[in-house]
Protein backbone atom coordinates (compact mmCIF):
# COMPACT_ATOMS: atom_id res chain seq x y z
CA MET A 1 132.99 103.64 111.08
CA LYS A 2 130.71 106.02 109.24
CA LEU A 3 129.42 104.99 105.81
CA VAL A 4 127.97 107.71 103.60
CA LYS A 5 128.46 106.71 99.97
CA LYS A 6 125.83 104.45 98.45
CA PRO A 7 128.34 101.95 96.92
CA GLU A 8 129.93 101.47 100.37
CA ILE A 9 126.55 100.89 102.00
CA ASP A 10 125.47 98.50 99.24
CA ALA A 11 128.72 96.54 99.64
CA LEU A 12 128.16 96.21 103.40
CA PHE A 13 124.60 94.99 102.89
CA LYS A 14 125.68 92.49 100.26
CA ASN A 15 128.45 90.96 102.34
CA PRO A 16 128.95 92.29 105.90
CA PRO A 17 132.68 91.98 106.82
CA SER A 18 133.48 89.51 109.59
CA HIS A 19 135.14 92.20 111.74
CA VAL A 20 131.91 94.25 111.88
CA LEU A 21 129.91 93.25 114.96
CA GLY A 22 127.19 95.86 114.86
CA VAL A 23 125.49 98.44 112.64
CA LEU A 24 123.65 101.58 113.74
CA ILE A 25 121.05 102.76 111.23
CA TYR A 26 119.46 106.06 112.25
CA GLY A 27 117.67 109.11 110.93
CA LYS A 28 114.44 111.05 110.63
CA ASP A 29 113.16 108.84 107.82
CA ARG A 30 111.99 105.96 109.99
CA SER A 31 110.66 103.91 107.08
CA GLN A 32 114.07 104.00 105.40
CA VAL A 33 115.73 103.05 108.71
CA ILE A 34 113.46 100.02 109.12
CA GLU A 35 113.75 99.07 105.43
CA ARG A 36 117.56 99.10 105.50
CA ALA A 37 117.70 97.27 108.83
CA THR A 38 115.43 94.54 107.48
CA VAL A 39 117.53 94.10 104.33
CA LEU A 40 120.68 93.79 106.44
CA ALA A 41 119.02 91.43 108.94
CA LYS A 42 118.16 89.03 106.12
CA ARG A 43 121.86 88.88 105.25
CA ILE A 44 122.77 87.85 108.79
CA VAL A 45 120.22 85.09 109.41
CA PRO A 46 118.07 83.11 106.95
CA ASP A 47 114.85 83.72 108.91
CA ILE A 48 114.51 87.03 110.78
CA THR A 49 111.44 85.72 112.64
CA ASP A 50 113.27 82.69 114.08
CA PRO A 51 113.04 83.04 117.90
CA PHE A 52 116.05 80.74 118.39
CA ASN A 53 118.39 82.86 116.27
CA VAL A 54 116.88 86.34 116.55
CA SER A 55 116.25 88.60 119.55
CA LEU A 56 114.12 91.71 119.05
CA ILE A 57 114.26 94.26 121.88
CA THR A 58 113.23 97.89 122.36
CA ASP A 59 114.49 100.85 124.34
CA THR A 60 111.60 100.26 126.75
CA ASP A 61 112.85 96.71 127.39
CA ILE A 62 116.29 98.09 128.31
CA GLU A 63 114.81 100.81 130.47
CA ASN A 64 112.87 98.18 132.43
CA ASP A 65 115.81 95.75 132.52
CA PRO A 66 119.22 97.50 132.14
CA ALA A 67 121.03 94.15 131.74
CA ARG A 68 118.80 92.98 128.87
CA LEU A 69 121.01 94.08 125.97
CA GLU A 70 124.16 92.70 127.58
CA GLY A 71 122.44 89.37 128.16
CA GLU A 72 121.26 89.12 124.56
CA LEU A 73 124.75 89.87 123.23
CA GLN A 74 126.26 87.20 125.47
CA SER A 75 123.78 84.50 124.47
CA LEU A 76 124.77 81.80 121.99
CA SER A 77 122.62 80.61 119.12
CA MET A 78 120.73 77.43 120.02
CA MET A 79 121.37 76.24 116.47
CA GLY A 80 125.04 77.22 116.47
CA GLY A 81 126.67 79.93 114.39
CA ARG A 82 125.53 83.50 113.96
CA ARG A 83 122.60 85.04 115.77
CA LEU A 84 120.94 88.43 115.35
CA VAL A 85 120.15 90.98 118.05
CA ARG A 86 117.90 93.73 116.73
CA LEU A 87 117.39 96.81 118.92
CA LYS A 88 114.69 99.37 118.13
CA PHE A 89 115.99 102.50 119.82
CA PHE A 90 113.68 105.45 119.19
CA THR A 91 114.03 107.22 122.52
CA GLU A 92 115.53 110.67 123.11
CA LYS A 93 116.65 109.95 126.68
CA ALA A 94 120.34 110.85 127.01
CA ALA A 95 120.92 108.54 129.99
CA LEU A 96 119.61 105.53 128.07
CA ASP A 97 121.69 106.52 125.04
CA LYS A 98 124.84 106.51 127.18
CA ALA A 99 123.95 103.22 128.86
CA VAL A 100 123.40 101.48 125.52
CA ALA A 101 126.61 102.99 124.12
CA ALA A 102 128.58 101.53 127.04
CA VAL A 103 127.27 98.01 126.35
CA VAL A 104 127.81 98.34 122.59
CA LYS A 105 131.39 99.50 123.20
CA GLN A 106 132.11 96.29 125.13
CA HIS A 107 130.55 94.22 122.36
CA ALA A 108 132.70 96.00 119.75
CA ALA A 109 135.76 95.15 121.85
CA GLY A 110 134.85 91.46 121.64
CA ASP A 111 133.84 91.07 125.29
CA TYR A 112 130.58 89.29 124.42
CA ASN A 113 129.60 86.67 121.84
CA ARG A 114 131.35 87.63 118.59
CA GLU A 115 128.78 85.60 116.66
CA ALA A 116 126.04 87.96 117.88
CA PHE A 117 125.44 90.59 115.20
CA LEU A 118 123.79 93.76 116.51
CA ILE A 119 121.53 95.97 114.40
CA ILE A 120 120.30 99.17 116.04
CA GLU A 121 117.43 101.10 114.47
CA ALA A 122 117.27 104.64 115.85
CA GLY A 123 115.65 108.01 115.29
CA SER A 124 117.35 111.34 114.62
CA LEU A 125 120.43 110.99 116.82
CA GLY A 126 122.19 114.32 117.21
CA GLY A 127 125.93 114.91 117.33
CA GLU A 128 125.80 114.72 121.11
CA SER A 129 124.60 111.09 121.07
CA ALA A 130 127.16 108.79 122.69
CA LEU A 131 125.82 105.88 120.64
CA ARG A 132 126.24 107.71 117.35
CA ARG A 133 129.73 108.96 118.22
CA LEU A 134 130.79 105.43 119.15
CA ALA A 135 129.44 103.87 115.95
CA ASP A 136 131.04 106.63 113.85
CA ALA A 137 134.48 106.00 115.35
CA ASP A 138 134.78 102.28 116.20
CA LYS A 139 136.11 100.01 113.43
CA ALA A 140 134.02 97.08 114.63
CA LEU A 141 130.85 99.13 114.20
CA VAL A 142 129.18 100.91 111.29
CA SER A 143 126.89 103.94 111.34
CA ILE A 144 124.52 104.75 108.48
CA ALA A 145 122.37 107.89 108.46
CA CYS A 146 119.03 107.83 106.65
CA TYR A 147 118.18 111.26 105.32
CA GLU A 148 114.89 112.23 103.75
CA ASP A 149 114.90 111.76 100.00
CA GLU A 150 115.49 114.81 97.83
CA THR A 151 112.97 115.70 95.12
CA GLY A 152 115.23 114.18 92.44
CA ASP A 153 115.34 110.88 94.35
CA ILE A 154 111.56 110.90 94.69
CA ILE A 155 111.04 111.51 90.96
CA ARG A 156 113.51 108.76 90.05
CA MET A 157 111.84 106.30 92.44
CA ALA A 158 108.39 107.16 91.06
CA ARG A 159 109.46 106.86 87.41
CA GLU A 160 111.05 103.46 88.04
CA ALA A 161 107.87 102.21 89.71
CA PHE A 162 105.64 103.60 86.94
CA ALA A 163 107.82 102.05 84.22
CA ALA A 164 107.78 98.67 85.98
CA ASN A 165 103.96 98.80 86.09
CA GLY A 166 103.37 100.06 82.55
CA VAL A 167 101.98 103.51 83.40
CA SER A 168 103.28 107.07 83.11
CA LEU A 169 102.57 110.73 83.91
CA THR A 170 102.89 113.81 81.72
CA THR A 171 105.77 116.13 82.65
CA GLY A 172 103.41 118.59 84.31
CA ALA A 173 101.62 115.87 86.25
CA MET A 174 104.95 114.40 87.41
CA ASP A 175 106.08 117.82 88.68
CA ILE A 176 102.87 118.23 90.69
CA PHE A 177 103.02 114.67 92.03
CA ALA A 178 106.67 115.03 93.10
CA GLN A 179 105.87 118.24 95.00
CA ARG A 180 103.03 116.55 96.84
CA LEU A 181 104.92 113.38 97.75
CA PRO A 182 106.23 113.29 101.34
CA LYS A 183 109.99 112.89 101.69
CA GLU A 184 109.48 110.04 104.15
CA ARG A 185 110.27 107.04 101.94
CA GLY A 186 107.75 104.55 103.30
CA ILE A 187 104.80 106.90 102.83
CA ALA A 188 106.11 107.98 99.41
CA HIS A 189 106.18 104.29 98.36
CA GLN A 190 102.58 103.88 99.50
CA GLU A 191 101.42 106.95 97.56
CA ILE A 192 103.21 105.79 94.40
CA GLU A 193 101.61 102.34 94.68
CA ARG A 194 98.21 103.94 95.31
CA LEU A 195 98.55 106.09 92.18
CA ILE A 196 99.55 103.05 90.09
CA LEU A 197 96.36 101.29 91.23
CA PHE A 198 94.36 104.44 90.43
CA ILE A 199 95.75 104.57 86.87
CA GLY A 200 95.58 100.81 86.34
CA PRO A 201 98.68 98.59 86.40
CA HIS A 202 100.01 97.71 82.91
CA SER A 203 97.30 99.83 81.27
CA HIS A 204 99.97 101.82 79.36
CA LYS A 205 98.00 104.94 80.23
CA THR A 206 99.60 108.38 80.65
CA LEU A 207 97.94 110.41 83.40
CA GLU A 208 97.43 114.14 82.81
CA GLU A 209 97.37 116.99 85.35
CA ARG A 210 93.58 117.24 85.48
CA GLU A 211 93.21 113.51 86.19
CA LEU A 212 95.99 113.65 88.79
CA GLN A 213 94.11 116.34 90.73
CA ASP A 214 91.19 113.93 91.13
CA PHE A 215 93.58 111.48 92.76
CA LEU A 216 95.45 113.93 94.98
CA GLY A 217 92.53 115.55 96.76
CA VAL A 218 93.47 117.92 99.59
CA GLU A 219 96.92 119.05 100.71
CA PRO A 220 98.29 117.35 103.88
CA GLU A 221 98.61 120.76 105.52
CA ALA A 222 94.97 121.47 104.66
CA SER A 223 94.05 118.24 106.47
CA LEU A 224 95.66 119.61 109.63
CA PHE A 225 93.91 122.97 109.48
CA LYS A 226 90.59 121.24 108.83
CA ALA A 227 91.27 118.90 111.78
CA ALA A 228 91.96 121.91 114.02
CA GLN A 229 88.73 123.56 112.88
CA ASP A 230 86.82 120.33 113.50
CA ALA A 231 88.33 120.07 117.01
CA PHE A 232 87.17 123.57 117.98
CA GLY A 233 83.84 122.82 116.33
CA GLY A 234 83.31 119.76 118.51
CA ARG A 235 83.49 117.31 115.60
CA MET A 236 85.56 114.70 117.39
CA LYS A 237 85.58 111.90 114.80
CA SER A 238 86.36 114.25 111.91
CA ALA A 239 89.16 115.92 113.89
CA GLN A 240 90.73 112.56 114.73
CA ALA A 241 90.43 111.25 111.16
CA GLY A 242 91.91 114.44 109.67
CA LEU A 243 94.78 114.42 112.14
CA ARG A 244 95.65 110.79 111.41
CA ARG A 245 95.43 111.38 107.66
CA ALA A 246 97.82 114.33 107.92
CA PHE A 247 100.30 112.27 109.96
CA ALA A 248 100.12 109.45 107.43
CA GLU A 249 101.01 112.00 104.75
CA GLY A 250 104.12 113.12 106.60
CA GLU A 251 103.00 115.89 108.97
CA THR A 252 104.45 115.99 112.51
CA GLY A 253 103.44 116.84 116.07
CA PRO A 254 104.83 120.41 115.89
CA ASP A 255 102.93 120.88 112.59
CA ALA A 256 99.72 119.74 114.31
CA MET A 257 100.33 122.11 117.22
CA ARG A 258 101.02 124.98 114.80
CA ALA A 259 97.69 124.35 113.04
CA LEU A 260 95.82 124.11 116.35
CA SER A 261 97.46 127.27 117.73
CA GLY A 262 96.70 129.12 114.51
CA HIS A 263 93.03 128.21 114.72
CA TYR A 264 92.93 129.04 118.43
CA ASN A 265 94.33 132.51 117.73
CA LYS A 266 91.84 133.05 114.91
CA VAL A 267 88.86 132.10 117.09
CA LYS A 268 90.12 134.37 119.86
CA LEU A 269 90.73 137.27 117.46
CA LEU A 270 87.29 136.83 115.92
CA LYS A 271 85.66 136.78 119.36
CA THR A 272 87.64 139.88 120.42
CA ASN A 273 86.55 141.80 117.33
CA MET A 274 82.92 140.79 117.87
CA SER A 275 83.13 141.89 121.52
CA LYS A 276 84.18 145.33 120.26
CA GLY A 277 80.83 145.69 118.52
CA MET A 278 81.69 144.50 115.02
CA GLY A 279 79.06 142.59 113.08
CA GLY A 280 79.77 138.94 112.32
CA LYS A 281 80.69 139.40 108.65
CA GLU A 282 82.88 142.42 109.34
CA ALA A 283 84.65 140.69 112.25
CA ALA A 284 85.23 137.57 110.13
CA LYS A 285 86.73 139.63 107.32
CA VAL A 286 89.01 141.60 109.65
CA SER A 287 90.08 138.36 111.38
CA GLY A 288 91.12 136.73 108.10
CA VAL A 289 88.39 134.07 108.05
CA PHE A 290 87.92 132.34 104.68
CA TRP A 291 84.40 133.00 103.39
CA LYS A 292 83.54 129.28 103.16
CA ASP A 293 84.38 128.86 106.86
CA GLU A 294 82.56 132.00 108.01
CA ALA A 295 79.39 130.39 109.40
CA ASP A 296 81.30 127.69 111.30
CA MET A 297 83.87 130.16 112.67
CA LEU A 298 81.17 132.54 113.86
CA ARG A 299 79.43 129.68 115.69
CA GLN A 300 82.71 128.77 117.35
CA ALA A 301 83.49 132.35 118.37
CA GLN A 302 80.02 132.76 119.83
CA THR A 303 80.16 129.45 121.74
CA TRP A 304 83.73 129.51 123.08
CA SER A 305 83.93 131.91 126.04
CA PHE A 306 87.15 133.66 127.00
CA ASP A 307 87.03 131.65 130.25
CA LEU A 308 87.29 128.48 128.15
CA LEU A 309 89.78 129.85 125.62
CA ASP A 310 92.34 131.47 127.92
CA PRO A 311 93.48 128.28 129.76
CA LEU A 312 94.08 126.55 126.41
CA ALA A 313 97.11 128.77 125.71
CA SER A 314 99.24 126.94 128.28
CA ASP A 315 97.92 123.54 127.09
CA LEU A 316 99.03 124.34 123.53
CA ILE A 317 102.49 125.44 124.65
CA GLU A 318 102.95 122.35 126.83
CA ALA A 319 101.82 119.95 124.08
CA ASP A 320 104.17 121.59 121.57
CA LYS A 321 107.02 121.25 124.07
CA GLN A 322 106.20 117.56 124.62
CA CYS A 323 106.20 116.91 120.86
CA LYS A 324 109.70 118.35 120.61
CA SER A 325 111.28 116.97 123.76
CA THR A 326 109.73 113.70 124.99
CA GLY A 327 109.96 110.16 123.72
CA MET A 328 106.17 109.93 123.38
CA PRO A 329 104.76 109.54 119.85
CA ASP A 330 103.82 112.91 118.32
CA LEU A 331 100.47 111.59 117.13
CA LEU A 332 99.49 110.48 120.64
CA ILE A 333 100.30 113.90 122.13
CA ALA A 334 98.52 115.81 119.36
CA GLU A 335 95.51 113.50 119.26
CA ARG A 336 94.98 113.79 123.00
CA LEU A 337 94.80 117.60 122.87
CA TYR A 338 92.66 117.69 119.70
CA LEU A 339 90.13 115.35 121.32
CA GLN A 340 90.20 117.25 124.63
CA ILE A 341 89.37 120.47 122.78
CA ALA A 342 86.61 118.74 120.79
CA GLY A 343 85.16 117.45 124.07
CA LYS A 344 85.17 120.95 125.60
CA ALA A 345 83.46 122.28 122.47
CA ASN A 346 80.76 119.60 122.82
CA ARG A 347 80.17 120.49 126.45
CA ALA A 348 79.97 124.17 125.53
CA GLY A 349 77.16 123.40 123.09
CA LEU A 350 78.81 122.74 119.73
């Protein structure tokens, strides 16, 4: 049974019907998925950390032990009454999706312990997901999609938080802040709380655009491009820090690969133009190098040989493919390649 309207979802969370045996909460906004799952879990059992009444399992657990989920759903509470089974399912493996759907279907039919309430937290399940299709259709199950907040939702959330803490922003400052906030709810919450601390809780101060700029600093995208430049410049710690900052602000693996590929192409173009006899400044200008980065980019182009650059093309393509198709964390894939490139730059003399 698919729930879309907020009043329906709120009603479920307030008092889950007895015929509902499981809820699938999924979507790209992982913080919202976890937040909603936690709220619901607290309605099912008084203490969500109680090991006697709560079982927390992951997709990796099921992959290693295919009977694990079935066993948890069959188990009775040691204290009697309802127990909670919480599954964190953030894999993209179709076979595992089908296997879990088969077990959940049996649970929905009442084949296991009806006092076991199942909450599944999942990523962006597509229309082909057997688990999602089952939860959408079965009356004993509920599916709830967590979409990224729209700008209006972000502004409303920010204004409510500011009002509760006795601070405010001018209209212009609010517009800028809303544009810069990531749509991922958890990170947006963190940024709003950080700004409240910056202004001063209950100070009754109204922040203006100029003051807001001091707080905002650099764009998340700029963090990625700087991280890519640091990687090719052999600045390993700076590259890693910039990459992690960008991910914390809502950037993704494909974004990181795009920034790295863009810098790779710029270094290669700059080196090609220099090999044609152009002077450094002329080559930098023709290659679209920003004047502040000119000295660093010229050092990189002079140090990176074509023998070192050419093999990186396939590495970039493969890493981008992994970010889009595997169950590995995007940050891990991106970080590995950024650090590998920084290491090669160090060995080349940067």
